[in-house]
PDB file of all heavy atoms in Angstrom:
ATOM      1  N   PHE A   1      15.840  -5.238   0.050  1.00  0.00           N
ATOM      2  CA  PHE A   1      14.901  -5.931   0.976  1.00  0.00           C
ATOM      3  C   PHE A   1      13.468  -5.438   0.594  1.00  0.00           C
ATOM      4  O   PHE A   1      13.262  -4.288   0.337  1.00  0.00           O
ATOM      5  CB  PHE A   1      15.241  -5.629   2.393  1.00  0.00           C
ATOM      6  CG  PHE A   1      16.507  -6.208   2.875  1.00  0.00           C
ATOM      7  CD1 PHE A   1      17.698  -5.599   2.569  1.00  0.00           C
ATOM      8  CD2 PHE A   1      16.539  -7.440   3.529  1.00  0.00           C
ATOM      9  CE1 PHE A   1      18.923  -6.139   2.947  1.00  0.00           C
ATOM     10  CE2 PHE A   1      17.745  -8.027   3.939  1.00  0.00           C
ATOM     11  CZ  PHE A   1      18.946  -7.355   3.647  1.00  0.00           C
ATOM     12  N   VAL A   2      12.554  -6.418   0.606  1.00  0.00           N
ATOM     13  CA  VAL A   2      11.132  -6.081   0.279  1.00  0.00           C
ATOM     14  C   VAL A   2      10.241  -6.668   1.332  1.00  0.00           C
ATOM     15  O   VAL A   2      10.431  -7.716   1.874  1.00  0.00           O
ATOM     16  CB  VAL A   2      10.819  -6.742  -1.109  1.00  0.00           C
ATOM     17  CG1 VAL A   2       9.342  -6.524  -1.438  1.00  0.00           C
ATOM     18  CG2 VAL A   2      11.685  -6.162  -2.177  1.00  0.00           C
ATOM     19  N   ILE A   3       9.193  -5.868   1.614  1.00  0.00           N
ATOM     20  CA  ILE A   3       8.169  -6.342   2.558  1.00  0.00           C
ATOM     21  C   ILE A   3       6.777  -6.022   1.957  1.00  0.00           C
ATOM     22  O   ILE A   3       6.578  -4.992   1.309  1.00  0.00           O
ATOM     23  CB  ILE A   3       8.280  -5.695   3.935  1.00  0.00           C
ATOM     24  CG1 ILE A   3       7.397  -6.456   4.934  1.00  0.00           C
ATOM     25  CG2 ILE A   3       7.988  -4.194   3.878  1.00  0.00           C
ATOM     26  CD1 ILE A   3       7.812  -6.197   6.401  1.00  0.00           C
ATOM     27  N   GLU A   4       5.845  -6.930   2.160  1.00  0.00           N
ATOM     28  CA  GLU A   4       4.501  -6.811   1.726  1.00  0.00           C
ATOM     29  C   GLU A   4       3.699  -6.072   2.820  1.00  0.00           C
ATOM     30  O   GLU A   4       3.859  -6.363   4.010  1.00  0.00           O
ATOM     31  CB  GLU A   4       3.955  -8.215   1.537  1.00  0.00           C
ATOM     32  CG  GLU A   4       2.580  -8.274   0.949  1.00  0.00           C
ATOM     33  CD  GLU A   4       2.189  -9.780   0.742  1.00  0.00           C
ATOM     34  OE1 GLU A   4       2.860 -10.415  -0.110  1.00  0.00           O
ATOM     35  OE2 GLU A   4       1.294 -10.218   1.446  1.00  0.00           O
ATOM     36  N   ALA A   5       2.864  -5.116   2.452  1.00  0.00           N
ATOM     37  CA  ALA A   5       2.092  -4.366   3.378  1.00  0.00           C
ATOM     38  C   ALA A   5       0.691  -4.099   2.811  1.00  0.00           C
ATOM     39  O   ALA A   5       0.468  -4.217   1.626  1.00  0.00           O
ATOM     40  CB  ALA A   5       2.804  -3.042   3.761  1.00  0.00           C
ATOM     41  N   TYR A   6      -0.227  -3.735   3.687  1.00  0.00           N
ATOM     42  CA  TYR A   6      -1.596  -3.450   3.327  1.00  0.00           C
ATOM     43  C   TYR A   6      -1.948  -2.083   3.899  1.00  0.00           C
ATOM     44  O   TYR A   6      -1.843  -1.783   5.073  1.00  0.00           O
ATOM     45  CB  TYR A   6      -2.540  -4.535   3.909  1.00  0.00           C
ATOM     46  CG  TYR A   6      -2.214  -5.904   3.377  1.00  0.00           C
ATOM     47  CD1 TYR A   6      -1.227  -6.689   4.020  1.00  0.00           C
ATOM     48  CD2 TYR A   6      -2.757  -6.361   2.231  1.00  0.00           C
ATOM     49  CE1 TYR A   6      -0.861  -7.939   3.528  1.00  0.00           C
ATOM     50  CE2 TYR A   6      -2.398  -7.651   1.706  1.00  0.00           C
ATOM     51  CZ  TYR A   6      -1.461  -8.362   2.406  1.00  0.00           C
ATOM     52  OH  TYR A   6      -1.145  -9.588   1.889  1.00  0.00           O
ATOM     53  N   VAL A   7      -2.448  -1.152   3.004  1.00  0.00           N
ATOM     54  CA  VAL A   7      -2.784   0.181   3.435  1.00  0.00           C
ATOM     55  C   VAL A   7      -4.092   0.605   2.780  1.00  0.00           C
ATOM     56  O   VAL A   7      -4.383   0.192   1.621  1.00  0.00           O
ATOM     57  CB  VAL A   7      -1.685   1.217   3.077  1.00  0.00           C
ATOM     58  CG1 VAL A   7      -0.414   0.975   3.814  1.00  0.00           C
ATOM     59  CG2 VAL A   7      -1.423   1.249   1.558  1.00  0.00           C
ATOM     60  N   PRO A   8      -4.914   1.390   3.436  1.00  0.00           N
ATOM     61  CA  PRO A   8      -6.136   1.951   2.848  1.00  0.00           C
ATOM     62  C   PRO A   8      -5.709   2.931   1.750  1.00  0.00           C
ATOM     63  O   PRO A   8      -4.620   3.550   1.810  1.00  0.00           O
ATOM     64  CB  PRO A   8      -6.891   2.571   3.988  1.00  0.00           C
ATOM     65  CG  PRO A   8      -5.973   2.694   5.114  1.00  0.00           C
ATOM     66  CD  PRO A   8      -4.780   1.769   4.876  1.00  0.00           C
ATOM     67  N   ASP A   9      -6.587   3.169   0.776  1.00  0.00           N
ATOM     68  CA  ASP A   9      -6.341   4.151  -0.269  1.00  0.00           C
ATOM     69  C   ASP A   9      -5.859   5.489   0.314  1.00  0.00           C
ATOM     70  O   ASP A   9      -4.950   6.103  -0.224  1.00  0.00           O
ATOM     71  CB  ASP A   9      -7.600   4.414  -1.097  1.00  0.00           C
ATOM     72  CG  ASP A   9      -7.894   3.318  -2.057  1.00  0.00           C
ATOM     73  OD1 ASP A   9      -6.978   2.578  -2.425  1.00  0.00           O
ATOM     74  OD2 ASP A   9      -9.065   3.178  -2.471  1.00  0.00           O
ATOM     75  N   SER A  10      -6.494   5.929   1.397  1.00  0.00           N
ATOM     76  CA  SER A  10      -6.207   7.223   1.970  1.00  0.00           C
ATOM     77  C   SER A  10      -4.842   7.321   2.547  1.00  0.00           C
ATOM     78  O   SER A  10      -4.356   8.447   2.880  1.00  0.00           O
ATOM     79  CB  SER A  10      -7.253   7.529   3.065  1.00  0.00           C
ATOM     80  OG  SER A  10      -7.186   6.540   4.091  1.00  0.00           O
ATOM     81  N   TYR A  11      -4.114   6.200   2.706  1.00  0.00           N
ATOM     82  CA  TYR A  11      -2.810   6.179   3.367  1.00  0.00           C
ATOM     83  C   TYR A  11      -1.635   6.091   2.352  1.00  0.00           C
ATOM     84  O   TYR A  11      -0.534   6.197   2.736  1.00  0.00           O
ATOM     85  CB  TYR A  11      -2.727   4.995   4.327  1.00  0.00           C
ATOM     86  CG  TYR A  11      -1.662   5.154   5.326  1.00  0.00           C
ATOM     87  CD1 TYR A  11      -1.854   5.997   6.459  1.00  0.00           C
ATOM     88  CD2 TYR A  11      -0.427   4.483   5.276  1.00  0.00           C
ATOM     89  CE1 TYR A  11      -0.855   6.113   7.446  1.00  0.00           C
ATOM     90  CE2 TYR A  11       0.547   4.635   6.197  1.00  0.00           C
ATOM     91  CZ  TYR A  11       0.379   5.433   7.263  1.00  0.00           C
ATOM     92  OH  TYR A  11       1.361   5.603   8.233  1.00  0.00           O
ATOM     93  N   VAL A  12      -1.937   5.935   1.084  1.00  0.00           N
ATOM     94  CA  VAL A  12      -0.899   5.816   0.061  1.00  0.00           C
ATOM     95  C   VAL A  12       0.021   6.995   0.060  1.00  0.00           C
ATOM     96  O   VAL A  12       1.241   6.850  -0.042  1.00  0.00           O
ATOM     97  CB  VAL A  12      -1.489   5.512  -1.327  1.00  0.00           C
ATOM     98  CG1 VAL A  12      -0.468   5.609  -2.410  1.00  0.00           C
ATOM     99  CG2 VAL A  12      -2.203   4.194  -1.317  1.00  0.00           C
ATOM    100  N   ASP A  13      -0.521   8.212   0.178  1.00  0.00           N
ATOM    101  CA  ASP A  13       0.332   9.408   0.179  1.00  0.00           C
ATOM    102  C   ASP A  13       1.278   9.367   1.372  1.00  0.00           C
ATOM    103  O   ASP A  13       2.429   9.841   1.330  1.00  0.00           O
ATOM    104  CB  ASP A  13      -0.530  10.662   0.144  1.00  0.00           C
ATOM    105  CG  ASP A  13      -1.105  10.908  -1.226  1.00  0.00           C
ATOM    106  OD1 ASP A  13      -0.547  10.430  -2.209  1.00  0.00           O
ATOM    107  OD2 ASP A  13      -2.160  11.618  -1.270  1.00  0.00           O
ATOM    108  N   ASN A  14       0.795   8.893   2.531  1.00  0.00           N
ATOM    109  CA  ASN A  14       1.698   8.766   3.692  1.00  0.00           C
ATOM    110  C   ASN A  14       2.845   7.819   3.455  1.00  0.00           C
ATOM    111  O   ASN A  14       3.968   8.067   3.939  1.00  0.00           O
ATOM    112  CB  ASN A  14       0.899   8.285   4.889  1.00  0.00           C
ATOM    113  CG  ASN A  14      -0.172   9.286   5.340  1.00  0.00           C
ATOM    114  OD1 ASN A  14      -0.640  10.047   4.555  1.00  0.00           O
ATOM    115  ND2 ASN A  14      -0.515   9.253   6.569  1.00  0.00           N
ATOM    116  N   VAL A  15       2.593   6.767   2.711  1.00  0.00           N
ATOM    117  CA  VAL A  15       3.652   5.797   2.394  1.00  0.00           C
ATOM    118  C   VAL A  15       4.731   6.501   1.536  1.00  0.00           C
ATOM    119  O   VAL A  15       5.888   6.305   1.724  1.00  0.00           O
ATOM    120  CB  VAL A  15       3.075   4.540   1.656  1.00  0.00           C
ATOM    121  CG1 VAL A  15       4.242   3.634   1.210  1.00  0.00           C
ATOM    122  CG2 VAL A  15       2.146   3.805   2.567  1.00  0.00           C
ATOM    123  N   ARG A  16       4.308   7.321   0.629  1.00  0.00           N
ATOM    124  CA  ARG A  16       5.231   8.107  -0.239  1.00  0.00           C
ATOM    125  C   ARG A  16       6.201   8.939   0.624  1.00  0.00           C
ATOM    126  O   ARG A  16       7.348   9.052   0.275  1.00  0.00           O
ATOM    127  CB  ARG A  16       4.490   8.984  -1.186  1.00  0.00           C
ATOM    128  CG  ARG A  16       4.458   8.513  -2.563  1.00  0.00           C
ATOM    129  CD  ARG A  16       3.820   9.430  -3.570  1.00  0.00           C
ATOM    130  NE  ARG A  16       3.214   8.582  -4.529  1.00  0.00           N
ATOM    131  CZ  ARG A  16       1.915   8.196  -4.581  1.00  0.00           C
ATOM    132  NH1 ARG A  16       1.094   8.669  -3.659  1.00  0.00           N
ATOM    133  NH2 ARG A  16       1.456   7.375  -5.426  1.00  0.00           N
ATOM    134  N   THR A  17       5.703   9.487   1.705  1.00  0.00           N
ATOM    135  CA  THR A  17       6.490  10.386   2.503  1.00  0.00           C
ATOM    136  C   THR A  17       7.565   9.604   3.319  1.00  0.00           C
ATOM    137  O   THR A  17       8.497  10.203   3.857  1.00  0.00           O
ATOM    138  CB  THR A  17       5.673  11.176   3.551  1.00  0.00           C
ATOM    139  OG1 THR A  17       5.056  10.287   4.466  1.00  0.00           O
ATOM    140  CG2 THR A  17       4.638  12.018   2.861  1.00  0.00           C
ATOM    141  N   LEU A  18       7.484   8.278   3.354  1.00  0.00           N
ATOM    142  CA  LEU A  18       8.472   7.479   4.060  1.00  0.00           C
ATOM    143  C   LEU A  18       9.839   7.464   3.328  1.00  0.00           C
ATOM    144  O   LEU A  18      10.852   7.173   3.862  1.00  0.00           O
ATOM    145  CB  LEU A  18       7.968   6.060   4.250  1.00  0.00           C
ATOM    146  CG  LEU A  18       6.766   5.839   5.150  1.00  0.00           C
ATOM    147  CD1 LEU A  18       6.315   4.419   5.147  1.00  0.00           C
ATOM    148  CD2 LEU A  18       7.051   6.311   6.582  1.00  0.00           C
ATOM    149  N   GLY A  19       9.768   7.765   2.025  1.00  0.00           N
ATOM    150  CA  GLY A  19      10.992   7.862   1.220  1.00  0.00           C
ATOM    151  C   GLY A  19      11.509   6.613   0.607  1.00  0.00           C
ATOM    152  O   GLY A  19      12.575   6.558   0.091  1.00  0.00           O
ATOM    153  N   PHE A  20      10.741   5.549   0.717  1.00  0.00           N
ATOM    154  CA  PHE A  20      11.148   4.268   0.088  1.00  0.00           C
ATOM    155  C   PHE A  20      10.264   3.943  -1.124  1.00  0.00           C
ATOM    156  O   PHE A  20       9.077   4.237  -1.140  1.00  0.00           O
ATOM    157  CB  PHE A  20      11.038   3.086   1.090  1.00  0.00           C
ATOM    158  CG  PHE A  20      11.867   3.304   2.307  1.00  0.00           C
ATOM    159  CD1 PHE A  20      11.300   3.607   3.513  1.00  0.00           C
ATOM    160  CD2 PHE A  20      13.251   3.189   2.248  1.00  0.00           C
ATOM    161  CE1 PHE A  20      12.033   3.803   4.644  1.00  0.00           C
ATOM    162  CE2 PHE A  20      14.020   3.344   3.409  1.00  0.00           C
ATOM    163  CZ  PHE A  20      13.412   3.725   4.599  1.00  0.00           C
ATOM    164  N   PRO A  21      10.869   3.364  -2.178  1.00  0.00           N
ATOM    165  CA  PRO A  21      10.069   3.020  -3.363  1.00  0.00           C
ATOM    166  C   PRO A  21       9.052   1.901  -2.980  1.00  0.00           C
ATOM    167  O   PRO A  21       9.338   1.055  -2.109  1.00  0.00           O
ATOM    168  CB  PRO A  21      11.048   2.519  -4.361  1.00  0.00           C
ATOM    169  CG  PRO A  21      12.353   2.266  -3.645  1.00  0.00           C
ATOM    170  CD  PRO A  21      12.269   3.014  -2.362  1.00  0.00           C
ATOM    171  N   PHE A  22       7.868   1.985  -3.571  1.00  0.00           N
ATOM    172  CA  PHE A  22       6.924   0.960  -3.348  1.00  0.00           C
ATOM    173  C   PHE A  22       6.079   0.771  -4.597  1.00  0.00           C
ATOM    174  O   PHE A  22       6.014   1.603  -5.480  1.00  0.00           O
ATOM    175  CB  PHE A  22       6.016   1.307  -2.168  1.00  0.00           C
ATOM    176  CG  PHE A  22       5.013   2.412  -2.410  1.00  0.00           C
ATOM    177  CD1 PHE A  22       3.730   2.137  -2.827  1.00  0.00           C
ATOM    178  CD2 PHE A  22       5.440   3.706  -2.155  1.00  0.00           C
ATOM    179  CE1 PHE A  22       2.842   3.224  -3.049  1.00  0.00           C
ATOM    180  CE2 PHE A  22       4.552   4.776  -2.350  1.00  0.00           C
ATOM    181  CZ  PHE A  22       3.266   4.534  -2.824  1.00  0.00           C
ATOM    182  N   GLU A  23       5.464  -0.353  -4.706  1.00  0.00           N
ATOM    183  CA  GLU A  23       4.573  -0.729  -5.883  1.00  0.00           C
ATOM    184  C   GLU A  23       3.277  -1.252  -5.343  1.00  0.00           C
ATOM    185  O   GLU A  23       3.244  -2.096  -4.469  1.00  0.00           O
ATOM    186  CB  GLU A  23       5.333  -1.799  -6.671  1.00  0.00           C
ATOM    187  CG  GLU A  23       4.519  -2.352  -7.818  1.00  0.00           C
ATOM    188  CD  GLU A  23       5.241  -3.479  -8.532  1.00  0.00           C
ATOM    189  OE1 GLU A  23       6.327  -3.895  -8.092  1.00  0.00           O
ATOM    190  OE2 GLU A  23       4.613  -4.059  -9.491  1.00  0.00           O
ATOM    191  N   VAL A  24       2.200  -0.760  -5.944  1.00  0.00           N
ATOM    192  CA  VAL A  24       0.905  -1.281  -5.620  1.00  0.00           C
ATOM    193  C   VAL A  24       0.684  -2.573  -6.436  1.00  0.00           C
ATOM    194  O   VAL A  24       0.766  -2.486  -7.692  1.00  0.00           O
ATOM    195  CB  VAL A  24      -0.254  -0.285  -5.949  1.00  0.00           C
ATOM    196  CG1 VAL A  24      -1.625  -0.931  -5.750  1.00  0.00           C
ATOM    197  CG2 VAL A  24      -0.109   0.987  -5.112  1.00  0.00           C
ATOM    198  N   VAL A  25       0.544  -3.676  -5.822  1.00  0.00           N
ATOM    199  CA  VAL A  25       0.463  -4.940  -6.556  1.00  0.00           C
ATOM    200  C   VAL A  25      -0.978  -5.532  -6.646  1.00  0.00           C
ATOM    201  O   VAL A  25      -1.251  -6.420  -7.420  1.00  0.00           O
ATOM    202  CB  VAL A  25       1.395  -6.038  -6.010  1.00  0.00           C
ATOM    203  CG1 VAL A  25       2.839  -5.651  -6.227  1.00  0.00           C
ATOM    204  CG2 VAL A  25       1.170  -6.265  -4.535  1.00  0.00           C
ATOM    205  N   GLU A  26      -1.880  -4.973  -5.707  1.00  0.00           N
ATOM    206  CA  GLU A  26      -3.272  -5.484  -5.808  1.00  0.00           C
ATOM    207  C   GLU A  26      -4.176  -4.466  -5.065  1.00  0.00           C
ATOM    208  O   GLU A  26      -3.816  -3.889  -4.109  1.00  0.00           O
ATOM    209  CB  GLU A  26      -3.311  -6.855  -5.084  1.00  0.00           C
ATOM    210  CG  GLU A  26      -4.664  -7.544  -5.195  1.00  0.00           C
ATOM    211  CD  GLU A  26      -4.605  -8.960  -4.632  1.00  0.00           C
ATOM    212  OE1 GLU A  26      -3.551  -9.414  -4.041  1.00  0.00           O
ATOM    213  OE2 GLU A  26      -5.659  -9.608  -4.622  1.00  0.00           O
ATOM    214  N   ASN A  27      -5.371  -4.332  -5.617  1.00  0.00           N
ATOM    215  CA  ASN A  27      -6.468  -3.553  -5.032  1.00  0.00           C
ATOM    216  C   ASN A  27      -7.392  -4.562  -4.415  1.00  0.00           C
ATOM    217  O   ASN A  27      -7.930  -5.416  -5.126  1.00  0.00           O
ATOM    218  CB  ASN A  27      -7.176  -2.688  -6.004  1.00  0.00           C
ATOM    219  CG  ASN A  27      -6.288  -1.566  -6.513  1.00  0.00           C
ATOM    220  OD1 ASN A  27      -5.716  -0.808  -5.722  1.00  0.00           O
ATOM    221  ND2 ASN A  27      -6.140  -1.466  -7.849  1.00  0.00           N
ATOM    222  N   ILE A  28      -7.681  -4.439  -3.117  1.00  0.00           N
ATOM    223  CA  ILE A  28      -8.463  -5.426  -2.425  1.00  0.00           C
ATOM    224  C   ILE A  28      -9.766  -4.751  -1.883  1.00  0.00           C
ATOM    225  O   ILE A  28      -9.678  -3.798  -1.098  1.00  0.00           O
ATOM    226  CB  ILE A  28      -7.691  -6.047  -1.245  1.00  0.00           C
ATOM    227  CG1 ILE A  28      -6.388  -6.613  -1.802  1.00  0.00           C
ATOM    228  CG2 ILE A  28      -8.505  -7.113  -0.560  1.00  0.00           C
ATOM    229  CD1 ILE A  28      -5.425  -7.077  -0.679  1.00  0.00           C
ATOM    230  N   SER A  29     -10.847  -5.251  -2.309  1.00  0.00           N
ATOM    231  CA  SER A  29     -12.148  -4.685  -1.866  1.00  0.00           C
ATOM    232  C   SER A  29     -12.569  -5.327  -0.551  1.00  0.00           C
ATOM    233  O   SER A  29     -12.149  -6.396  -0.191  1.00  0.00           O
ATOM    234  CB  SER A  29     -13.249  -4.935  -2.910  1.00  0.00           C
ATOM    235  OG  SER A  29     -13.537  -6.314  -2.988  1.00  0.00           O
ATOM    236  N   ARG A  30     -13.482  -4.640   0.144  1.00  0.00           N
ATOM    237  CA  ARG A  30     -14.011  -5.186   1.389  1.00  0.00           C
ATOM    238  C   ARG A  30     -14.656  -6.538   1.199  1.00  0.00           C
ATOM    239  O   ARG A  30     -14.511  -7.458   2.017  1.00  0.00           O
ATOM    240  CB  ARG A  30     -15.020  -4.130   1.974  1.00  0.00           C
ATOM    241  CG  ARG A  30     -15.826  -4.646   3.141  1.00  0.00           C
ATOM    242  CD  ARG A  30     -15.124  -4.584   4.453  1.00  0.00           C
ATOM    243  NE  ARG A  30     -14.530  -3.306   4.779  1.00  0.00           N
ATOM    244  CZ  ARG A  30     -13.568  -3.187   5.693  1.00  0.00           C
ATOM    245  NH1 ARG A  30     -13.086  -4.242   6.292  1.00  0.00           N
ATOM    246  NH2 ARG A  30     -13.017  -2.021   5.880  1.00  0.00           N
ATOM    247  N   SER A  31     -15.409  -6.670   0.078  1.00  0.00           N
ATOM    248  CA  SER A  31     -16.098  -7.993  -0.166  1.00  0.00           C
ATOM    249  C   SER A  31     -15.083  -9.091  -0.380  1.00  0.00           C
ATOM    250  O   SER A  31     -15.300 -10.217   0.061  1.00  0.00           O
ATOM    251  CB  SER A  31     -17.064  -7.888  -1.359  1.00  0.00           C
ATOM    252  OG  SER A  31     -16.343  -7.559  -2.538  1.00  0.00           O
ATOM    253  N   MET A  32     -13.916  -8.768  -1.036  1.00  0.00           N
ATOM    254  CA  MET A  32     -12.915  -9.785  -1.222  1.00  0.00           C
ATOM    255  C   MET A  32     -12.285 -10.161   0.110  1.00  0.00           C
ATOM    256  O   MET A  32     -12.055 -11.393   0.390  1.00  0.00           O
ATOM    257  CB  MET A  32     -11.753  -9.232  -2.082  1.00  0.00           C
ATOM    258  CG  MET A  32     -10.653 -10.273  -2.382  1.00  0.00           C
ATOM    259  SD  MET A  32      -9.295  -9.583  -3.350  1.00  0.00           S
ATOM    260  CE  MET A  32     -10.075  -9.261  -4.925  1.00  0.00           C
ATOM    261  N   LEU A  33     -12.078  -9.240   1.055  1.00  0.00           N
ATOM    262  CA  LEU A  33     -11.596  -9.511   2.349  1.00  0.00           C
ATOM    263  C   LEU A  33     -12.557 -10.431   3.115  1.00  0.00           C
ATOM    264  O   LEU A  33     -12.142 -11.399   3.789  1.00  0.00           O
ATOM    265  CB  LEU A  33     -11.338  -8.251   3.181  1.00  0.00           C
ATOM    266  CG  LEU A  33     -10.207  -7.372   2.656  1.00  0.00           C
ATOM    267  CD1 LEU A  33     -10.215  -6.086   3.388  1.00  0.00           C
ATOM    268  CD2 LEU A  33      -8.872  -8.048   2.757  1.00  0.00           C
TER     269      LEU A  33
END
């Protein structure tokens, strides 16, 4: 099962601690948003 999520750069290490594999698929800048 896969889910798409959005996290700030500073939160990536917290995602690692969840214990599930993840892949960064895009870097989104404030101007792009």
